[in-house]
Amino acid sequence: MMRCVDPRVPADRDERQRLFALAQNYVADNSLRGPLSFTELAAYADGLVGAASLDAAVRDYLAILIHNEVWRPLVAAVPMDRRLLLLPQCFRDPSRCTAAMDELGLQCHRCGGCVTGEIVATAERLGYLVLVAEGTAVVMSLIEAGRVEAIVGVSCTDVLEKVFPYVASAAVPSVAVPLVRKGCEQTATDWDWLYEFLTLQGPDRGQRMNVDALRNDVASWFERAALDELLAGGDGGDGPAHELSLDWLAQSGKRWRPFLAACTHQALQDDPTGAIPDDFRHVAVAVECFHKASLIHDDIEDQDAFRYGQPTLHARHGVPIALNVGDMLLGMGYRMIASCGLSGSAKADMLQVASDGHCQLCAGQGAELAWMANPVPLSVGEVLDIFRRKTAPAFDVALSLGAIYAGAGGATRRILNGFSQSLGIAYQIYDDLDDFAGGGDGLGDAAAMRPGILLAIAHERTSSADRALLEALWRREASMAENLQAVTNIFRVQNVEEHARELMEQHKGRAMASLVALDGPRGDAMRVLLSRVTARIFGRDVSAMSCCHEKRNPDATVARASRP
């Protein structure tokens, strides 16, 4: 029989209660807010161990308690019929249990042979969806589909440590009840704590909006018919330049920037799940107009031949026409802001933000163009500064316009500006890594001889002949096409991709840390929402959550999990 006391979980119930009280006070005294990474949780737990002179063996348990206290109010705010109870399979005695197993976990017969049936029955009476399968991949499918907005989980500390990064990444409100006796059968937990978590209730202000549905709504605003309706009339409202502008605006794209504007607006509402005002589309479309104009100009300046897998606008129609379309999109964007239904002062604020962002982007692009005229090796810091100046302004404009439309003050907008600075850098690193992993030549900006983070990291880490080759490439004294294999080998030997990912995670962490200053119910909603959107932008793989003994079926569907 594989069961034993978990040495990291205090065996004495009173001691667990004492640690719970310490964690509760620590979260309150330090005004901690989620989502917190496991690294942050461990650091806070270390701080509590030191402050209370505790045994270091309880650090991981304290990290779980701190996590619970941070998320408790947001879990309580989610209706019970939007919560998932995730139970382990190990409460049962497998030698006696007759329950069937499938890709969704254990199908409990409620025979009374273990506590599983009682817990499942109680949770389902409250409205919970219940899965008896630790960390199964279908959990994240349920979250993505909007079926589940919070999780109450029971598991051993080993599994919880693996799950925390994914839960924090997706910003899923969750609380966890650790097993006090672990193993693969007849385990045990703090039952009263579990029932307390199951019955958590609170105000509905913290309800989480369905970000995937919101993103689909935003995407629909850029269908050609919708754009024709919104942008009809006014000077320049017909003719070839207008038609090309709408075609380019409707062309495929991720729409992150108008989506961020919509998310910010919704998070700052009393009811984040309410309908978006039709008038807000003017602001969202303006954000995309600015972005699409910058892409046209960027493609011309960088002499790129393809965008979205198709020939760039200037490759199809020539530079003069492409320049004119880019300029028209800028005009459309400013006109969209002017035509929204806000007060004159609010529109003036928006126009100030948009024009400042435009100037900052041009300054960043100007720095890159100056380098291209006299290419020399750039340090990692210099490349990151170009990233910050080129990419961050677009995020800041999107977030700020959404906040202004929602009536947010300067303090909130300054916090969002700090978030944008770090997010923009992280996003550009992510883009370079994406090029490296799947681009045409595998080196993205490095192969095109634009300032790229991978080449900068490699140059700083190498020496001798390798460094001489990289310097020659930076100065365009050597051909990247003739040295692709050598450069790829340098990247591999110097772990360039790994270091770039660490740098990306560092700036993502700074972005999330900047949101801690957001307070109150709306601040909580904003912080959680931006965490979730950040997870979408960076394509976090959350399907890796699993128990060490669980066999996962990646083809499990949401429909199967919806069974009675």
Protein backbone atom coordinates (compact mmCIF):
# COMPACT_ATOMS: atom_id res chain seq x y z
CA MET A 1 0.00 0.00 0.00
CA MET A 2 1.59 3.28 -1.17
CA ARG A 3 0.68 5.86 1.45
CA CYS A 4 2.68 7.94 3.87
CA VAL A 5 2.64 11.23 5.71
CA ASP A 6 3.78 14.13 3.54
CA PRO A 7 6.79 15.56 5.44
CA ARG A 8 6.07 19.03 4.07
CA VAL A 9 2.53 19.10 5.50
CA PRO A 10 2.35 19.34 9.32
CA ALA A 11 0.78 16.20 10.77
CA ASP A 12 -0.87 18.07 13.64
CA ARG A 13 -4.20 19.70 12.77
CA ASP A 14 -3.67 22.56 15.24
CA GLU A 15 -0.29 23.33 13.70
CA ARG A 16 -1.87 23.50 10.25
CA GLN A 17 -4.46 25.91 11.64
CA ARG A 18 -1.69 28.05 13.15
CA LEU A 19 0.15 28.22 9.84
CA PHE A 20 -3.10 29.09 8.09
CA ALA A 21 -3.60 32.07 10.42
CA LEU A 22 -0.01 33.19 9.89
CA ALA A 23 -0.42 33.02 6.11
CA GLN A 24 -3.72 34.89 6.27
CA ASN A 25 -2.17 37.72 8.29
CA TYR A 26 0.94 37.80 6.08
CA VAL A 27 -1.15 38.27 2.91
CA ALA A 28 -3.17 41.04 4.56
CA ASP A 29 -0.16 42.83 6.09
CA ASN A 30 1.75 42.80 2.79
CA SER A 31 -1.29 43.54 0.58
CA LEU A 32 -0.43 40.60 -1.68
CA ARG A 33 -2.48 40.18 -4.85
CA GLY A 34 -2.55 37.50 -7.50
CA PRO A 35 -1.67 36.03 -9.79
CA LEU A 36 1.65 35.05 -8.20
CA SER A 37 4.16 32.72 -9.82
CA PHE A 38 5.47 29.77 -7.83
CA THR A 39 8.81 31.58 -7.56
CA GLU A 40 7.06 34.56 -5.97
CA LEU A 41 5.03 32.30 -3.68
CA ALA A 42 8.20 30.52 -2.56
CA ALA A 43 9.90 33.86 -1.86
CA TYR A 44 6.97 35.07 0.24
CA ALA A 45 6.87 31.74 2.05
CA ASP A 46 10.59 32.08 2.82
CA GLY A 47 9.89 35.54 4.18
CA LEU A 48 7.17 34.18 6.45
CA VAL A 49 9.41 31.32 7.61
CA GLY A 50 12.06 33.84 8.60
CA ALA A 51 9.67 36.34 10.18
CA ALA A 52 7.90 33.69 12.30
CA SER A 53 10.99 31.54 12.98
CA LEU A 54 9.35 28.49 11.40
CA ASP A 55 10.87 25.22 10.26
CA ALA A 56 11.96 25.58 6.62
CA ALA A 57 10.32 22.20 5.88
CA VAL A 58 6.89 23.89 5.83
CA ARG A 59 7.84 26.43 3.17
CA ASP A 60 5.99 24.69 0.32
CA TYR A 61 2.90 24.24 2.47
CA LEU A 62 2.99 27.94 3.35
CA ALA A 63 3.29 28.80 -0.35
CA ILE A 64 0.02 26.93 -0.95
CA LEU A 65 -1.68 28.73 1.95
CA ILE A 66 -0.50 32.11 0.66
CA HIS A 67 -1.78 31.22 -2.82
CA ASN A 68 -5.17 30.34 -1.31
CA GLU A 69 -5.48 33.59 0.60
CA VAL A 70 -4.55 35.66 -2.44
CA TRP A 71 -7.21 33.98 -4.59
CA ARG A 72 -9.92 33.32 -1.98
CA PRO A 73 -11.96 36.54 -2.63
CA LEU A 74 -11.96 35.98 -6.39
CA VAL A 75 -12.98 32.32 -6.09
CA ALA A 76 -15.79 33.40 -3.75
CA ALA A 77 -17.00 35.89 -6.36
CA VAL A 78 -17.46 33.21 -9.03
CA PRO A 79 -20.90 31.52 -9.01
CA MET A 80 -20.72 27.89 -7.89
CA ASP A 81 -22.09 26.65 -11.20
CA ARG A 82 -19.03 28.20 -12.88
CA ARG A 83 -16.54 26.42 -10.63
CA LEU A 84 -14.73 23.12 -11.04
CA LEU A 85 -13.88 20.73 -8.22
CA LEU A 86 -10.80 18.75 -9.16
CA LEU A 87 -10.30 15.65 -7.00
CA PRO A 88 -7.50 13.08 -7.00
CA GLN A 89 -8.15 9.42 -7.72
CA CYS A 90 -6.18 8.34 -4.68
CA PHE A 91 -8.89 8.58 -1.99
CA ARG A 92 -10.11 5.14 -3.07
CA ASP A 93 -8.79 1.65 -2.39
CA PRO A 94 -8.15 0.35 -5.92
CA SER A 95 -8.39 -3.28 -4.75
CA ARG A 96 -12.08 -2.70 -3.88
CA CYS A 97 -13.13 0.19 -6.15
CA THR A 98 -15.23 -0.83 -9.16
CA ALA A 99 -15.44 2.62 -10.72
CA ALA A 100 -14.55 2.85 -14.40
CA MET A 101 -11.77 5.04 -15.78
CA ASP A 102 -11.88 6.98 -19.03
CA GLU A 103 -10.05 9.91 -20.57
CA LEU A 104 -11.89 12.28 -18.21
CA GLY A 105 -10.92 10.41 -15.07
CA LEU A 106 -12.70 8.22 -12.53
CA GLN A 107 -16.44 7.60 -12.95
CA CYS A 108 -17.39 7.32 -9.27
CA HIS A 109 -20.29 4.94 -8.47
CA ARG A 110 -20.82 6.55 -5.05
CA CYS A 111 -20.70 3.13 -3.43
CA GLY A 112 -19.60 4.44 -0.02
CA GLY A 113 -16.28 2.62 -0.13
CA CYS A 114 -14.39 5.93 0.15
CA VAL A 115 -15.14 9.62 0.66
CA THR A 116 -15.09 10.44 -3.06
CA GLY A 117 -18.80 9.75 -3.60
CA GLU A 118 -19.84 11.95 -0.68
CA ILE A 119 -17.66 14.85 -1.84
CA VAL A 120 -18.85 14.54 -5.45
CA ALA A 121 -22.51 14.48 -4.37
CA THR A 122 -22.07 17.52 -2.12
CA ALA A 123 -20.25 19.53 -4.79
CA GLU A 124 -22.77 18.70 -7.51
CA ARG A 125 -25.66 19.73 -5.24
CA LEU A 126 -23.94 23.12 -4.92
CA GLY A 127 -23.67 23.35 -8.70
CA TYR A 128 -20.02 22.39 -9.24
CA LEU A 129 -18.66 20.52 -12.22
CA VAL A 130 -16.56 17.70 -10.76
CA LEU A 131 -13.66 15.76 -12.27
CA VAL A 132 -11.86 12.98 -10.40
CA ALA A 133 -8.61 13.22 -12.32
CA GLU A 134 -5.74 15.45 -11.26
CA GLY A 135 -4.77 18.10 -13.73
CA THR A 136 -6.30 16.46 -16.77
CA ALA A 137 -5.85 18.43 -19.99
CA VAL A 138 -9.61 18.76 -20.41
CA VAL A 139 -9.61 21.17 -17.45
CA MET A 140 -7.98 23.86 -19.54
CA SER A 141 -10.38 23.14 -22.41
CA LEU A 142 -13.26 23.81 -20.03
CA ILE A 143 -11.64 27.08 -18.96
CA GLU A 144 -11.01 28.18 -22.54
CA ALA A 145 -14.62 27.36 -23.49
CA GLY A 146 -15.96 29.50 -20.66
CA ARG A 147 -17.51 26.59 -18.73
CA VAL A 148 -15.15 26.99 -15.77
CA GLU A 149 -14.09 30.25 -14.15
CA ALA A 150 -12.56 29.03 -10.87
CA ILE A 151 -11.06 25.83 -9.50
CA VAL A 152 -11.11 24.15 -6.10
CA GLY A 153 -8.42 21.48 -6.20
CA VAL A 154 -7.27 18.69 -3.91
CA SER A 155 -3.88 17.10 -4.49
CA CYS A 156 -0.47 16.32 -3.06
CA THR A 157 2.10 19.09 -2.78
CA ASP A 158 4.18 17.57 -5.60
CA VAL A 159 1.34 17.95 -8.12
CA LEU A 160 0.32 21.36 -6.79
CA GLU A 161 3.85 22.66 -7.39
CA LYS A 162 3.59 21.54 -11.01
CA VAL A 163 0.13 23.02 -11.46
CA PHE A 164 0.80 26.48 -9.93
CA PRO A 165 2.76 27.89 -12.91
CA TYR A 166 -0.03 26.99 -15.33
CA VAL A 167 -2.82 28.28 -13.12
CA ALA A 168 -0.91 31.54 -12.52
CA SER A 169 -0.18 31.83 -16.24
CA ALA A 170 -3.85 31.53 -17.16
CA ALA A 171 -4.87 33.69 -14.15
CA VAL A 172 -7.48 31.15 -13.08
CA PRO A 173 -8.79 31.92 -9.57
CA SER A 174 -8.12 28.78 -7.58
CA VAL A 175 -7.67 27.41 -4.09
CA ALA A 176 -5.92 24.17 -3.18
CA VAL A 177 -6.30 21.71 -0.34
CA PRO A 178 -3.11 19.64 0.07
CA LEU A 179 -3.21 15.97 0.98
CA VAL A 180 -1.97 15.34 4.51
CA ARG A 181 -1.36 11.69 3.68
CA LYS A 182 -0.03 11.12 0.20
CA GLY A 183 0.55 8.16 -2.06
CA CYS A 184 -1.54 6.50 -4.75
CA GLU A 185 -4.38 5.09 -2.63
CA GLN A 186 -6.40 5.77 0.53
CA THR A 187 -5.00 9.26 0.97
CA ALA A 188 -6.50 11.95 3.21
CA THR A 189 -6.89 15.71 3.40
CA ASP A 190 -8.38 18.41 5.65
CA TRP A 191 -12.04 17.74 4.98
CA ASP A 192 -13.37 20.77 6.84
CA TRP A 193 -11.09 23.07 4.83
CA LEU A 194 -12.33 21.46 1.63
CA TYR A 195 -15.99 22.02 2.55
CA GLU A 196 -15.18 25.60 3.55
CA PHE A 197 -13.68 26.25 0.13
CA LEU A 198 -16.58 24.55 -1.65
CA THR A 199 -19.09 26.86 0.03
CA LEU A 200 -17.16 30.12 -0.45
CA GLN A 201 -19.51 32.90 -1.47
CA GLY A 202 -19.01 36.58 -2.16
CA PRO A 203 -20.20 39.51 -4.27
CA ASP A 204 -20.42 38.94 -8.00
CA ARG A 205 -18.26 42.00 -8.90
CA GLY A 206 -15.32 39.73 -9.64
CA GLN A 207 -17.07 37.62 -12.26
CA ARG A 208 -14.64 36.81 -15.04
CA MET A 209 -15.62 37.74 -18.54
CA ASN A 210 -15.31 35.21 -21.34
CA VAL A 211 -12.19 36.59 -23.01
CA ASP A 212 -12.48 34.24 -25.97
CA ALA A 213 -16.01 35.43 -26.71
CA LEU A 214 -14.81 39.04 -26.35
CA ARG A 215 -11.95 38.39 -28.74
CA ASN A 216 -14.38 36.94 -31.28
CA ASP A 217 -16.57 40.03 -30.94
CA VAL A 218 -13.57 42.29 -31.58
CA ALA A 219 -12.55 40.22 -34.60
CA SER A 220 -16.05 40.62 -36.07
CA TRP A 221 -15.60 44.41 -36.08
CA PHE A 222 -12.93 43.95 -38.76
CA GLU A 223 -15.00 41.98 -41.22
CA ARG A 224 -15.20 43.94 -44.45
CA ALA A 225 -18.95 44.59 -44.21
CA ALA A 226 -18.59 45.94 -40.66
CA LEU A 227 -15.74 48.22 -41.73
CA ASP A 228 -17.72 49.49 -44.72
CA GLU A 229 -20.54 50.47 -42.38
CA LEU A 230 -18.32 52.10 -39.76
CA LEU A 231 -15.98 53.96 -42.10
CA ALA A 232 -18.47 55.07 -44.75
CA GLY A 233 -18.80 58.76 -45.54
CA GLY A 234 -16.52 61.67 -44.81
CA ASP A 235 -13.66 63.02 -46.89
CA GLY A 236 -11.81 60.24 -48.68
CA GLY A 237 -14.75 57.90 -48.16
CA ASP A 238 -14.51 56.40 -51.62
CA GLY A 239 -11.97 55.77 -54.35
CA PRO A 240 -9.08 53.30 -54.70
CA ALA A 241 -7.10 54.53 -51.69
CA HIS A 242 -10.11 54.09 -49.41
CA GLU A 243 -10.82 50.61 -50.79
CA LEU A 244 -7.21 49.48 -50.40
CA SER A 245 -7.17 50.85 -46.86
CA LEU A 246 -10.24 48.82 -45.87
CA ASP A 247 -8.89 45.72 -47.58
CA TRP A 248 -5.63 46.01 -45.62
CA LEU A 249 -7.49 46.72 -42.37
CA ALA A 250 -9.65 43.63 -42.90
CA GLN A 251 -6.70 41.40 -43.78
CA SER A 252 -5.81 38.70 -41.29
CA GLY A 253 -4.12 39.67 -38.05
CA LYS A 254 -4.17 38.79 -34.37
CA ARG A 255 -6.04 41.98 -33.36
CA TRP A 256 -4.26 42.02 -29.99
CA ARG A 257 -4.28 45.79 -29.72
CA PRO A 258 -8.01 46.48 -30.22
CA PHE A 259 -8.67 43.42 -28.06
CA LEU A 260 -6.54 44.91 -25.26
CA ALA A 261 -8.45 48.18 -25.55
CA ALA A 262 -11.76 46.30 -25.23
CA CYS A 263 -10.50 44.22 -22.30
CA THR A 264 -9.36 47.32 -20.42
CA HIS A 265 -12.68 49.04 -20.97
CA GLN A 266 -14.65 46.02 -19.74
CA ALA A 267 -12.47 45.41 -16.67
CA LEU A 268 -13.15 48.95 -15.50
CA GLN A 269 -16.94 48.54 -15.63
CA ASP A 270 -19.16 47.73 -12.66
CA ASP A 271 -20.24 44.65 -14.61
CA PRO A 272 -17.28 43.40 -16.68
CA THR A 273 -19.56 40.91 -18.44
CA GLY A 274 -21.90 43.61 -19.79
CA ALA A 275 -22.27 44.53 -23.44
CA ILE A 276 -19.67 46.83 -25.00
CA PRO A 277 -21.13 50.13 -26.25
CA ASP A 278 -21.45 50.22 -30.04
CA ASP A 279 -19.67 53.57 -29.97
CA PHE A 280 -16.55 51.93 -28.51
CA ARG A 281 -15.89 50.30 -31.88
CA HIS A 282 -14.63 53.67 -33.11
CA VAL A 283 -11.82 53.52 -30.56
CA ALA A 284 -10.96 49.86 -31.19
CA VAL A 285 -10.86 50.36 -34.96
CA ALA A 286 -8.68 53.46 -34.50
CA VAL A 287 -6.15 51.38 -32.56
CA GLU A 288 -5.97 48.86 -35.40
CA CYS A 289 -5.74 51.62 -38.02
CA PHE A 290 -2.62 52.96 -36.31
CA HIS A 291 -1.11 49.47 -36.07
CA LYS A 292 -1.83 48.51 -39.69
CA ALA A 293 -0.40 51.82 -40.92
CA SER A 294 2.81 51.17 -38.99
CA LEU A 295 3.11 47.73 -40.60
CA ILE A 296 2.88 49.18 -44.10
CA HIS A 297 5.59 51.75 -43.37
CA ASP A 298 7.73 49.20 -41.53
CA ASP A 299 7.58 46.77 -44.47
CA ILE A 300 8.73 49.50 -46.84
CA GLU A 301 11.58 50.63 -44.60
CA ASP A 302 12.75 47.06 -43.99
CA GLN A 303 12.20 46.05 -47.64
CA ASP A 304 10.13 43.05 -46.55
CA ALA A 305 8.39 41.16 -49.33
CA PHE A 306 5.79 39.24 -47.30
CA ARG A 307 3.29 39.93 -44.51
CA TYR A 308 0.68 37.43 -43.26
CA GLY A 309 2.16 34.92 -45.71
CA GLN A 310 1.24 37.13 -48.67
CA PRO A 311 3.07 39.83 -50.65
CA THR A 312 3.30 43.11 -48.76
CA LEU A 313 1.24 46.06 -49.92
CA HIS A 314 4.21 47.83 -51.52
CA ALA A 315 5.28 44.59 -53.25
CA ARG A 316 1.83 44.36 -54.86
CA HIS A 317 1.07 48.01 -55.60
CA GLY A 318 4.37 49.88 -55.36
CA VAL A 319 5.84 52.12 -52.69
CA PRO A 320 3.91 55.33 -53.54
CA ILE A 321 0.50 53.65 -53.25
CA ALA A 322 1.50 51.78 -50.09
CA LEU A 323 2.73 54.99 -48.45
CA ASN A 324 -0.53 56.70 -49.32
CA VAL A 325 -2.61 53.84 -47.86
CA GLY A 326 -0.57 53.96 -44.65
CA ASP A 327 -1.15 57.70 -44.37
CA MET A 328 -4.86 57.26 -45.02
CA LEU A 329 -5.12 54.67 -42.24
CA LEU A 330 -3.52 57.14 -39.84
CA GLY A 331 -6.09 59.73 -40.84
CA MET A 332 -8.89 57.20 -40.41
CA GLY A 333 -7.64 56.38 -36.93
CA TYR A 334 -7.61 59.96 -35.75
CA ARG A 335 -11.02 60.54 -37.35
CA MET A 336 -12.43 57.50 -35.52
CA ILE A 337 -11.33 58.95 -32.18
CA ALA A 338 -12.80 62.34 -33.04
CA SER A 339 -16.12 60.72 -34.02
CA CYS A 340 -16.65 58.73 -30.80
CA GLY A 341 -19.30 59.93 -28.38
CA LEU A 342 -17.09 61.05 -25.48
CA SER A 343 -16.67 64.57 -24.16
CA GLY A 344 -14.28 66.97 -25.83
CA SER A 345 -11.76 66.70 -22.99
CA ALA A 346 -11.78 62.89 -23.10
CA LYS A 347 -11.26 62.92 -26.86
CA ALA A 348 -8.43 65.41 -26.42
CA ASP A 349 -6.80 62.99 -23.95
CA MET A 350 -7.16 60.17 -26.45
CA LEU A 351 -5.66 62.20 -29.27
CA GLN A 352 -2.75 63.19 -27.03
CA VAL A 353 -2.08 59.55 -26.13
CA ALA A 354 -2.32 58.42 -29.76
CA SER A 355 -0.05 61.17 -31.09
CA ASP A 356 2.52 60.60 -28.32
CA GLY A 357 2.53 56.88 -29.11
CA HIS A 358 2.96 57.64 -32.80
CA CYS A 359 5.99 59.84 -32.10
CA GLN A 360 7.56 57.26 -29.76
CA LEU A 361 7.15 54.49 -32.34
CA CYS A 362 8.76 56.67 -35.02
CA ALA A 363 11.64 57.45 -32.67
CA GLY A 364 12.22 53.74 -32.13
CA GLN A 365 12.02 53.00 -35.82
CA GLY A 366 14.34 55.94 -36.45
CA ALA A 367 16.93 54.44 -34.11
CA GLU A 368 16.75 51.17 -36.04
CA LEU A 369 17.04 52.92 -39.40
CA ALA A 370 20.05 54.90 -38.15
CA TRP A 371 21.68 51.63 -37.14
CA MET A 372 20.94 50.10 -40.55
CA ALA A 373 22.74 53.02 -42.20
CA ASN A 374 25.84 52.31 -40.08
CA PRO A 375 25.49 48.75 -38.73
CA VAL A 376 27.63 47.89 -35.71
CA PRO A 377 27.24 45.20 -33.02
CA LEU A 378 24.55 46.10 -30.49
CA SER A 379 24.44 45.02 -26.87
CA VAL A 380 21.44 43.20 -25.45
CA GLY A 381 20.46 46.38 -23.61
CA GLU A 382 20.59 48.46 -26.80
CA VAL A 383 18.41 45.96 -28.66
CA LEU A 384 15.90 45.89 -25.80
CA ASP A 385 15.74 49.68 -25.85
CA ILE A 386 14.82 49.58 -29.54
CA PHE A 387 12.18 46.95 -28.73
CA ARG A 388 10.77 49.15 -25.96
CA ARG A 389 10.53 52.19 -28.21
CA LYS A 390 9.11 50.33 -31.23
CA THR A 391 6.65 47.87 -29.67
CA ALA A 392 5.57 49.21 -26.27
CA PRO A 393 3.82 52.39 -27.60
CA ALA A 394 1.21 50.39 -29.51
CA PHE A 395 0.29 48.40 -26.40
CA ASP A 396 0.21 51.57 -24.31
CA VAL A 397 -2.05 53.37 -26.78
CA ALA A 398 -4.47 50.42 -26.85
CA LEU A 399 -4.67 50.10 -23.06
CA SER A 400 -4.82 53.85 -22.47
CA LEU A 401 -7.60 54.48 -24.98
CA GLY A 402 -9.68 51.71 -23.42
CA ALA A 403 -9.04 53.15 -19.96
CA ILE A 404 -9.88 56.72 -20.98
CA TYR A 405 -13.12 55.60 -22.61
CA ALA A 406 -14.01 53.84 -19.32
CA GLY A 407 -13.28 57.02 -17.35
CA ALA A 408 -10.04 55.88 -15.65
CA GLY A 409 -7.81 58.52 -14.11
CA GLY A 410 -4.14 59.29 -14.53
CA ALA A 411 -2.97 56.91 -11.79
CA THR A 412 -4.45 53.87 -13.57
CA ARG A 413 -3.05 54.98 -16.89
CA ARG A 414 0.45 55.39 -15.45
CA ILE A 415 0.32 51.82 -14.14
CA LEU A 416 -0.83 50.60 -17.56
CA ASN A 417 2.05 52.50 -19.15
CA GLY A 418 4.55 50.63 -16.97
CA PHE A 419 2.86 47.36 -17.87
CA SER A 420 3.07 48.23 -21.58
CA GLN A 421 6.80 48.99 -21.42
CA SER A 422 7.66 45.53 -20.12
CA LEU A 423 5.00 43.75 -22.18
CA GLY A 424 6.27 45.33 -25.39
CA ILE A 425 9.83 44.14 -24.75
CA ALA A 426 8.66 40.64 -23.83
CA TYR A 427 6.45 40.47 -26.92
CA GLN A 428 9.29 41.42 -29.27
CA ILE A 429 11.56 38.79 -27.69
CA TYR A 430 8.74 36.29 -28.15
CA ASP A 431 8.48 37.32 -31.80
CA ASP A 432 12.21 36.77 -32.32
CA LEU A 433 11.97 33.37 -30.66
CA ASP A 434 9.00 32.48 -32.84
CA ASP A 435 11.03 33.38 -35.92
CA PHE A 436 13.90 31.25 -34.64
CA ALA A 437 11.62 28.26 -34.04
CA GLY A 438 9.54 28.42 -37.20
CA GLY A 439 10.61 31.24 -39.50
CA GLY A 440 11.62 30.65 -43.08
CA ASP A 441 15.33 30.58 -42.36
CA GLY A 442 15.01 30.04 -38.62
CA LEU A 443 16.77 33.26 -37.67
CA GLY A 444 14.15 35.95 -38.35
CA ASP A 445 15.54 39.44 -37.79
CA ALA A 446 19.06 38.06 -37.51
CA ALA A 447 18.89 36.74 -41.07
CA ALA A 448 17.30 39.97 -42.32
CA MET A 449 20.05 41.90 -40.53
CA ARG A 450 17.74 43.91 -38.29
CA PRO A 451 18.59 44.33 -34.62
CA GLY A 452 17.54 41.04 -33.02
CA ILE A 453 17.86 39.74 -29.49
CA LEU A 454 19.24 36.34 -30.49
CA LEU A 455 22.20 37.78 -32.38
CA ALA A 456 22.86 40.24 -29.53
CA ILE A 457 22.90 37.47 -26.91
CA ALA A 458 25.16 35.30 -29.08
CA HIS A 459 27.58 38.19 -29.63
CA GLU A 460 27.84 38.91 -25.90
CA ARG A 461 28.40 35.24 -24.98
CA THR A 462 30.89 34.14 -27.62
CA SER A 463 34.59 34.78 -28.10
CA SER A 464 37.41 34.17 -30.60
CA ALA A 465 36.52 33.07 -34.14
CA ASP A 466 32.80 32.82 -33.42
CA ARG A 467 32.70 36.38 -32.14
CA ALA A 468 34.58 37.61 -35.20
CA LEU A 469 32.00 35.96 -37.46
CA LEU A 470 29.10 37.52 -35.53
CA GLU A 471 30.72 40.97 -35.66
CA ALA A 472 31.16 40.60 -39.42
CA LEU A 473 27.48 39.70 -39.72
CA TRP A 474 26.42 42.66 -37.57
CA ARG A 475 28.46 44.97 -39.83
CA ARG A 476 27.14 43.24 -42.98
CA GLU A 477 30.67 42.33 -43.97
CA ALA A 478 29.61 38.66 -44.20
CA SER A 479 26.57 36.99 -45.73
CA MET A 480 24.04 35.43 -43.38
CA ALA A 481 22.89 33.10 -46.17
CA GLU A 482 26.40 31.67 -46.47
CA ASN A 483 26.83 31.32 -42.70
CA LEU A 484 23.41 30.11 -41.56
CA GLN A 485 24.63 26.76 -40.35
CA ALA A 486 27.56 28.27 -38.45
CA VAL A 487 25.31 30.83 -36.77
CA THR A 488 22.73 28.19 -35.89
CA ASN A 489 25.49 26.10 -34.28
CA ILE A 490 26.69 29.13 -32.27
CA PHE A 491 23.15 29.71 -31.05
CA ARG A 492 22.90 26.07 -29.99
CA VAL A 493 26.27 25.91 -28.22
CA GLN A 494 25.68 29.18 -26.37
CA ASN A 495 22.09 28.26 -25.38
CA VAL A 496 20.93 31.49 -26.98
CA GLU A 497 17.29 30.42 -27.21
CA GLU A 498 17.22 29.46 -23.53
CA HIS A 499 18.72 32.80 -22.48
CA ALA A 500 16.25 34.68 -24.66
CA ARG A 501 13.35 32.83 -23.05
CA GLU A 502 14.67 33.69 -19.60
CA LEU A 503 14.87 37.33 -20.65
CA MET A 504 11.32 37.19 -22.01
CA GLU A 505 10.01 35.68 -18.76
CA GLN A 506 11.87 38.35 -16.78
CA HIS A 507 10.09 41.14 -18.65
CA LYS A 508 6.75 39.35 -18.49
CA GLY A 509 7.29 39.16 -14.73
CA ARG A 510 8.01 42.88 -14.59
CA ALA A 511 4.84 43.56 -16.55
CA MET A 512 2.74 41.56 -14.10
CA ALA A 513 4.52 43.05 -11.07
CA SER A 514 3.64 46.54 -12.28
CA LEU A 515 -0.06 45.69 -11.95
CA VAL A 516 0.20 45.09 -8.20
CA ALA A 517 -0.44 48.80 -7.69
CA LEU A 518 -3.98 48.40 -9.10
CA ASP A 519 -6.28 48.17 -6.10
CA GLY A 520 -9.96 47.79 -5.31
CA PRO A 521 -12.45 45.48 -7.09
CA ARG A 522 -11.79 47.05 -10.47
CA GLY A 523 -8.05 46.78 -9.94
CA ASP A 524 -8.47 43.08 -9.12
CA ALA A 525 -10.53 42.56 -12.27
CA MET A 526 -7.98 44.44 -14.38
CA ARG A 527 -5.02 42.55 -12.93
CA VAL A 528 -6.59 39.13 -13.46
CA LEU A 529 -7.82 40.01 -16.93
CA LEU A 530 -4.47 41.32 -18.15
CA SER A 531 -2.80 38.22 -16.73
CA ARG A 532 -5.15 36.03 -18.73
CA VAL A 533 -4.68 38.06 -21.90
CA THR A 534 -0.92 37.96 -21.47
CA ALA A 535 -1.15 34.16 -21.28
CA ARG A 536 -3.05 34.20 -24.60
CA ILE A 537 -0.56 36.52 -26.28
CA PHE A 538 2.42 34.39 -25.34
CA GLY A 539 0.70 31.11 -26.13
CA ARG A 540 1.31 29.53 -22.72
CA ASP A 541 0.98 25.74 -22.95
CA VAL A 542 -1.27 24.87 -20.05
CA SER A 543 -1.99 21.30 -21.14
CA ALA A 544 1.01 19.94 -19.26
CA MET A 545 -0.83 19.87 -15.92
CA SER A 546 -0.97 16.28 -14.77
CA CYS A 547 -0.51 13.89 -11.91
CA CYS A 548 2.63 11.81 -12.18
CA HIS A 549 0.44 8.67 -12.57
CA GLU A 550 -2.19 10.13 -14.87
CA LYS A 551 -2.53 9.05 -18.48
CA ARG A 552 -3.77 11.99 -20.50
CA ASN A 553 -5.84 11.93 -23.63
CA PRO A 554 -5.26 15.15 -25.57
CA ASP A 555 -8.33 14.44 -27.69
CA ALA A 556 -10.72 14.66 -24.74
CA THR A 557 -13.44 17.13 -25.57
CA VAL A 558 -15.41 19.69 -23.67
CA ALA A 559 -18.60 17.99 -24.73
CA ARG A 560 -17.58 14.77 -22.99
CA ALA A 561 -16.90 16.71 -19.80
CA SER A 562 -20.41 18.12 -19.89
CA ARG A 563 -22.06 14.80 -19.24
CA PRO A 564 -24.51 14.58 -16.29
